[in-house]
Amino acid sequence: MESSPEKLWRVAAEKLDAADFLIVATGAGFSADSSLPVYADIAKVDVYDKMGVEYQDLCDPYMLEQDEELFYGFWGSCTNSYRDTKHHQGYQILRKWRDAIRSKGGSSLDEKRRSFRAAFDRLRRCAALPINVSVESVTNDPFFIYTSNVDAHFHRDFDNKEIYELHGSVETWQCAGDVETGAREPCEKLWKLPADYRFDLDVAAMRAPGGAPTACPYCGGKGRPNVLMFHDRQWIANTVEENGYVAWESVMEQMLQDDPTLNLVVLEIGCGLRVGAFLSSARQ
């Protein structure tokens, strides 16, 4: 007789097998299998303990003004580690599931994409989609990744149009503006950190100088990761990804309404309670 966990796994497998659309919502626990620390552990370092600083202190734009090298040391350590880490097999498993849903049923992939486009055009005519979103900018696959992770690992296996990193990513940087007073807003344009760039990290002190790639190329001021931090009033939201997801979700919901035999599965992996808004949004 199956134990309770085995029953749950079987039910989950059956639902995945029946899925026509799949949303994968992931938090830091998903990256943990790549040996990356979850948010509760990321600042558990002797140097930080001796200084009396915690994760909430380091992941705060005000730290850039209070101690620039400590700020870049923290984010430099994260970025170097994320880039050096080989991501786990779960990413490939998700890709296989995506491909299986693509090829599911009697309709060809081209026919499914035509149906998606027809629903998109219908919603566009009703002004039910975000402004300035084109059908070419939205994935027409029945799969989407909705993640609070900032390590950018999903980009190694999935198309950019399939991913919504709602808290941003360490690979994208922005102008910091005037953090303390807010007197100067950050420059609106974002930039990518060069692929070959590494932070010159003093591991013993967990400090790093800001290099040229971290400076704003538009005003020459200080730069910072385009990551939503604590007490963050000057984060530049990634509205392109957000609008792409909102448009995809709207089309998917329209297709479910048009054909009640279709099934949606939302798979939640590694979503803790530290950032409750993400969990609530994913479940909604």
Protein backbone atom coordinates (compact mmCIF):
# COMPACT_ATOMS: atom_id res chain seq x y z
CA MET A 1 0.00 0.00 0.00
CA GLU A 2 1.33 3.44 -0.94
CA SER A 3 2.41 5.77 1.83
CA SER A 4 0.93 9.26 2.00
CA PRO A 5 3.90 11.01 0.29
CA GLU A 6 3.84 8.47 -2.53
CA LYS A 7 0.12 9.11 -3.05
CA LEU A 8 0.77 12.84 -3.26
CA TRP A 9 3.58 12.33 -5.75
CA ARG A 10 1.37 10.11 -7.88
CA VAL A 11 -1.44 12.67 -7.87
CA ALA A 12 1.02 15.41 -8.80
CA ALA A 13 2.42 13.29 -11.64
CA GLU A 14 -1.08 12.59 -12.96
CA LYS A 15 -1.94 16.30 -12.92
CA LEU A 16 1.28 17.17 -14.73
CA ASP A 17 0.56 14.50 -17.32
CA ALA A 18 -2.88 16.03 -17.89
CA ALA A 19 -1.60 19.61 -18.12
CA ASP A 20 -2.18 21.65 -21.26
CA PHE A 21 -0.61 24.74 -19.67
CA LEU A 22 2.11 24.79 -17.03
CA ILE A 23 3.22 27.71 -14.85
CA VAL A 24 6.32 26.99 -12.77
CA ALA A 25 6.64 29.31 -9.76
CA THR A 26 10.05 29.03 -8.09
CA GLY A 27 11.79 30.58 -5.11
CA ALA A 28 15.25 30.28 -3.59
CA GLY A 29 14.59 26.68 -2.57
CA PHE A 30 14.74 25.68 -6.23
CA SER A 31 18.28 27.06 -6.54
CA ALA A 32 19.31 25.33 -3.30
CA ASP A 33 19.80 22.03 -5.15
CA SER A 34 22.57 23.77 -7.09
CA SER A 35 24.23 24.28 -3.67
CA LEU A 36 23.30 27.96 -3.62
CA PRO A 37 22.17 29.32 -0.23
CA VAL A 38 18.57 30.28 0.40
CA TYR A 39 17.92 33.84 1.55
CA ALA A 40 17.95 32.87 5.24
CA ASP A 41 21.53 31.58 4.89
CA ILE A 42 23.13 33.81 2.27
CA ALA A 43 24.59 36.22 4.84
CA LYS A 44 25.64 33.59 7.39
CA VAL A 45 29.31 34.48 7.07
CA ASP A 46 31.72 35.02 9.98
CA VAL A 47 32.75 38.44 8.69
CA TYR A 48 29.15 39.62 8.66
CA ASP A 49 28.50 38.15 12.11
CA LYS A 50 31.45 40.07 13.54
CA MET A 51 30.20 43.27 11.91
CA GLY A 52 26.69 42.70 13.21
CA VAL A 53 25.09 42.91 9.76
CA GLU A 54 22.41 40.60 8.39
CA TYR A 55 20.91 39.82 5.01
CA GLN A 56 18.37 42.63 5.32
CA ASP A 57 21.21 45.12 5.89
CA LEU A 58 23.28 43.94 2.92
CA CYS A 59 20.36 43.62 0.51
CA ASP A 60 19.47 47.29 0.94
CA PRO A 61 20.33 50.12 -1.48
CA TYR A 62 21.24 52.35 1.47
CA MET A 63 24.29 50.14 2.11
CA LEU A 64 25.75 51.52 -1.13
CA GLU A 65 25.96 54.94 0.52
CA GLN A 66 26.94 53.70 3.96
CA ASP A 67 29.71 51.30 2.88
CA GLU A 68 30.24 51.02 -0.88
CA GLU A 69 32.87 48.26 -0.77
CA LEU A 70 30.76 46.14 1.57
CA PHE A 71 27.77 46.57 -0.76
CA TYR A 72 29.77 45.55 -3.83
CA GLY A 73 31.42 42.78 -1.82
CA PHE A 74 28.05 41.24 -1.02
CA TRP A 75 26.63 41.54 -4.52
CA GLY A 76 29.98 40.65 -6.07
CA SER A 77 30.14 37.47 -4.01
CA CYS A 78 26.59 36.58 -5.07
CA THR A 79 27.26 37.30 -8.75
CA ASN A 80 30.57 35.42 -8.87
CA SER A 81 28.97 32.46 -7.12
CA TYR A 82 25.88 32.40 -9.36
CA ARG A 83 28.05 32.47 -12.47
CA ASP A 84 30.43 29.78 -11.21
CA THR A 85 27.67 27.39 -10.13
CA LYS A 86 26.49 24.61 -12.41
CA HIS A 87 22.72 24.51 -12.19
CA HIS A 88 21.05 21.25 -11.18
CA GLN A 89 19.17 18.73 -13.33
CA GLY A 90 15.79 20.11 -12.34
CA TYR A 91 16.12 22.74 -15.05
CA GLN A 92 16.47 20.06 -17.72
CA ILE A 93 13.52 18.17 -16.23
CA LEU A 94 11.35 21.28 -16.51
CA ARG A 95 12.47 21.72 -20.10
CA LYS A 96 11.44 18.12 -20.87
CA TRP A 97 8.03 18.77 -19.33
CA ARG A 98 7.68 21.93 -21.40
CA ASP A 99 8.53 20.02 -24.56
CA ALA A 100 6.08 17.24 -23.64
CA ILE A 101 3.24 19.75 -23.23
CA ARG A 102 4.19 21.38 -26.53
CA SER A 103 3.73 18.09 -28.38
CA LYS A 104 0.69 16.90 -26.43
CA GLY A 105 -2.63 16.11 -28.10
CA GLY A 106 -3.75 15.76 -31.68
CA SER A 107 -3.00 19.33 -32.71
CA SER A 108 0.39 20.19 -34.15
CA LEU A 109 2.58 22.80 -32.47
CA ASP A 110 1.86 25.19 -35.35
CA GLU A 111 -1.89 24.75 -34.87
CA LYS A 112 -1.56 25.44 -31.14
CA ARG A 113 0.43 28.57 -31.85
CA ARG A 114 -2.17 29.75 -34.36
CA SER A 115 -4.85 29.28 -31.69
CA PHE A 116 -2.75 31.29 -29.26
CA ARG A 117 -2.33 34.08 -31.79
CA ALA A 118 -6.06 34.15 -32.54
CA ALA A 119 -6.85 34.53 -28.82
CA PHE A 120 -4.14 37.19 -28.52
CA ASP A 121 -5.58 39.19 -31.42
CA ARG A 122 -9.08 38.94 -29.97
CA LEU A 123 -7.92 40.31 -26.61
CA ARG A 124 -5.88 43.00 -28.34
CA ARG A 125 -8.98 44.25 -30.17
CA CYS A 126 -10.77 44.45 -26.81
CA ALA A 127 -7.86 46.42 -25.28
CA ALA A 128 -7.53 43.64 -22.70
CA LEU A 129 -3.73 43.37 -22.97
CA PRO A 130 -0.91 45.64 -21.75
CA ILE A 131 -0.10 48.52 -24.08
CA ASN A 132 2.92 48.11 -26.39
CA VAL A 133 2.96 44.31 -26.13
CA SER A 134 3.14 42.61 -29.53
CA VAL A 135 2.38 38.98 -30.25
CA GLU A 136 6.02 38.54 -31.31
CA SER A 137 7.22 39.65 -27.86
CA VAL A 138 5.14 37.04 -26.00
CA THR A 139 5.86 33.33 -25.94
CA ASN A 140 3.13 31.30 -27.59
CA ASP A 141 4.20 28.12 -25.82
CA PRO A 142 1.91 26.67 -23.11
CA PHE A 143 4.61 27.16 -20.46
CA PHE A 144 5.89 29.99 -18.28
CA ILE A 145 8.43 30.43 -15.48
CA TYR A 146 7.49 32.85 -12.70
CA THR A 147 10.42 33.24 -10.33
CA SER A 148 11.69 35.39 -7.48
CA ASN A 149 15.23 34.05 -7.99
CA VAL A 150 17.83 36.60 -9.07
CA ASP A 151 20.59 34.19 -10.18
CA ALA A 152 19.47 34.19 -13.86
CA HIS A 153 19.99 30.42 -14.13
CA PHE A 154 16.73 29.88 -16.02
CA HIS A 155 18.16 31.81 -18.97
CA ARG A 156 20.62 28.97 -19.55
CA ASP A 157 17.83 26.61 -20.64
CA PHE A 158 14.80 28.69 -21.53
CA ASP A 159 13.89 31.49 -23.89
CA ASN A 160 13.78 34.97 -22.37
CA LYS A 161 10.12 35.27 -23.35
CA GLU A 162 9.27 32.27 -21.13
CA ILE A 163 10.68 33.85 -17.95
CA TYR A 164 9.40 36.50 -15.58
CA GLU A 165 11.99 37.37 -12.91
CA LEU A 166 9.74 39.56 -10.83
CA HIS A 167 12.54 40.68 -8.48
CA GLY A 168 15.08 41.27 -11.25
CA SER A 169 18.49 39.68 -11.77
CA VAL A 170 22.14 40.24 -10.84
CA GLU A 171 22.98 40.08 -14.55
CA THR A 172 21.12 43.33 -15.21
CA TRP A 173 22.29 46.58 -13.60
CA GLN A 174 20.82 50.02 -13.12
CA CYS A 175 21.81 53.50 -12.01
CA ALA A 176 21.51 53.92 -8.23
CA GLY A 177 20.52 57.58 -8.37
CA ASP A 178 20.66 59.44 -5.06
CA VAL A 179 19.92 56.68 -2.58
CA GLU A 180 19.89 58.64 0.67
CA THR A 181 17.79 61.67 -0.22
CA GLY A 182 16.11 60.56 -3.44
CA ALA A 183 16.95 64.00 -4.83
CA ARG A 184 18.18 62.47 -8.09
CA GLU A 185 16.22 59.70 -9.74
CA PRO A 186 18.22 56.88 -11.36
CA CYS A 187 18.80 56.94 -15.11
CA GLU A 188 16.02 54.89 -16.68
CA LYS A 189 18.15 52.70 -18.94
CA LEU A 190 19.48 49.33 -17.78
CA TRP A 191 22.63 47.51 -18.85
CA LYS A 192 24.00 43.98 -18.77
CA LEU A 193 27.03 43.10 -16.70
CA PRO A 194 29.75 41.87 -19.13
CA ALA A 195 29.80 38.07 -19.35
CA ASP A 196 33.52 37.91 -18.57
CA TYR A 197 33.42 40.34 -15.64
CA ARG A 198 34.31 39.13 -12.16
CA PHE A 199 34.25 41.12 -8.97
CA ASP A 200 37.67 41.51 -7.37
CA LEU A 201 36.46 40.16 -4.05
CA ASP A 202 38.51 40.21 -0.85
CA VAL A 203 36.98 37.05 0.61
CA ALA A 204 38.49 37.57 4.06
CA ALA A 205 36.79 40.96 4.41
CA MET A 206 33.89 40.34 1.97
CA ARG A 207 34.66 43.63 0.25
CA ALA A 208 35.04 44.59 -3.39
CA PRO A 209 35.67 47.85 -5.22
CA GLY A 210 33.16 48.99 -7.79
CA GLY A 211 34.67 48.56 -11.27
CA ALA A 212 33.85 50.35 -14.50
CA PRO A 213 31.10 47.84 -15.45
CA THR A 214 29.24 48.67 -12.23
CA ALA A 215 29.18 52.43 -12.91
CA CYS A 216 26.22 53.90 -14.76
CA PRO A 217 27.27 54.29 -18.42
CA TYR A 218 24.80 57.15 -18.88
CA CYS A 219 25.67 59.51 -16.00
CA GLY A 220 28.85 57.98 -14.54
CA GLY A 221 27.26 57.57 -11.12
CA LYS A 222 27.15 54.48 -8.96
CA GLY A 223 25.41 51.42 -10.29
CA ARG A 224 23.65 48.57 -8.52
CA PRO A 225 22.03 45.28 -9.47
CA ASN A 226 18.57 45.67 -10.93
CA VAL A 227 17.25 43.60 -8.03
CA LEU A 228 14.37 44.59 -5.76
CA MET A 229 15.93 45.12 -2.34
CA PHE A 230 14.59 45.99 1.10
CA HIS A 231 13.46 49.63 1.54
CA ASP A 232 13.95 50.05 -2.21
CA ARG A 233 12.40 53.23 -3.58
CA GLN A 234 14.44 53.47 -6.77
CA TRP A 235 14.28 50.00 -8.26
CA ILE A 236 13.45 50.07 -11.96
CA ALA A 237 10.82 47.39 -12.42
CA ASN A 238 11.28 45.00 -15.33
CA THR A 239 8.00 45.95 -16.98
CA VAL A 240 8.85 44.29 -20.31
CA GLU A 241 9.00 40.85 -18.67
CA GLU A 242 5.99 41.65 -16.50
CA ASN A 243 3.86 42.76 -19.45
CA GLY A 244 4.91 39.68 -21.40
CA TYR A 245 3.77 37.47 -18.55
CA VAL A 246 0.51 39.37 -18.02
CA ALA A 247 -0.29 39.12 -21.74
CA TRP A 248 0.54 35.40 -21.83
CA GLU A 249 -1.56 34.73 -18.73
CA SER A 250 -4.51 36.65 -20.19
CA VAL A 251 -4.37 34.66 -23.43
CA MET A 252 -4.00 31.39 -21.54
CA GLU A 253 -7.05 32.20 -19.38
CA GLN A 254 -9.05 33.08 -22.51
CA MET A 255 -8.11 29.75 -24.11
CA LEU A 256 -9.14 27.88 -20.94
CA GLN A 257 -12.46 29.72 -21.02
CA ASP A 258 -12.97 28.90 -24.70
CA ASP A 259 -12.21 25.21 -24.15
CA PRO A 260 -13.14 23.88 -20.67
CA THR A 261 -11.42 20.55 -21.43
CA LEU A 262 -8.00 22.22 -21.20
CA ASN A 263 -6.10 21.99 -17.91
CA LEU A 264 -3.78 24.45 -16.17
CA VAL A 265 -1.21 23.28 -13.62
CA VAL A 266 0.71 25.69 -11.38
CA LEU A 267 3.80 23.99 -10.00
CA GLU A 268 5.31 25.70 -6.95
CA ILE A 269 8.91 24.78 -6.06
CA GLY A 270 11.09 26.18 -3.29
CA CYS A 271 8.88 29.13 -2.41
CA GLY A 272 9.45 30.06 1.23
CA LEU A 273 7.50 32.40 3.48
CA ARG A 274 10.16 35.12 3.80
CA VAL A 275 8.71 37.05 0.85
CA GLY A 276 5.00 36.41 1.34
CA ALA A 277 3.90 38.67 -1.49
CA PHE A 278 5.55 36.39 -4.05
CA LEU A 279 3.88 33.28 -2.68
CA SER A 280 0.49 35.00 -2.57
CA SER A 281 0.86 36.29 -6.13
CA ALA A 282 1.95 32.91 -7.47
CA ARG A 283 -1.00 31.14 -5.88
CA GLN A 284 -3.45 33.78 -7.02
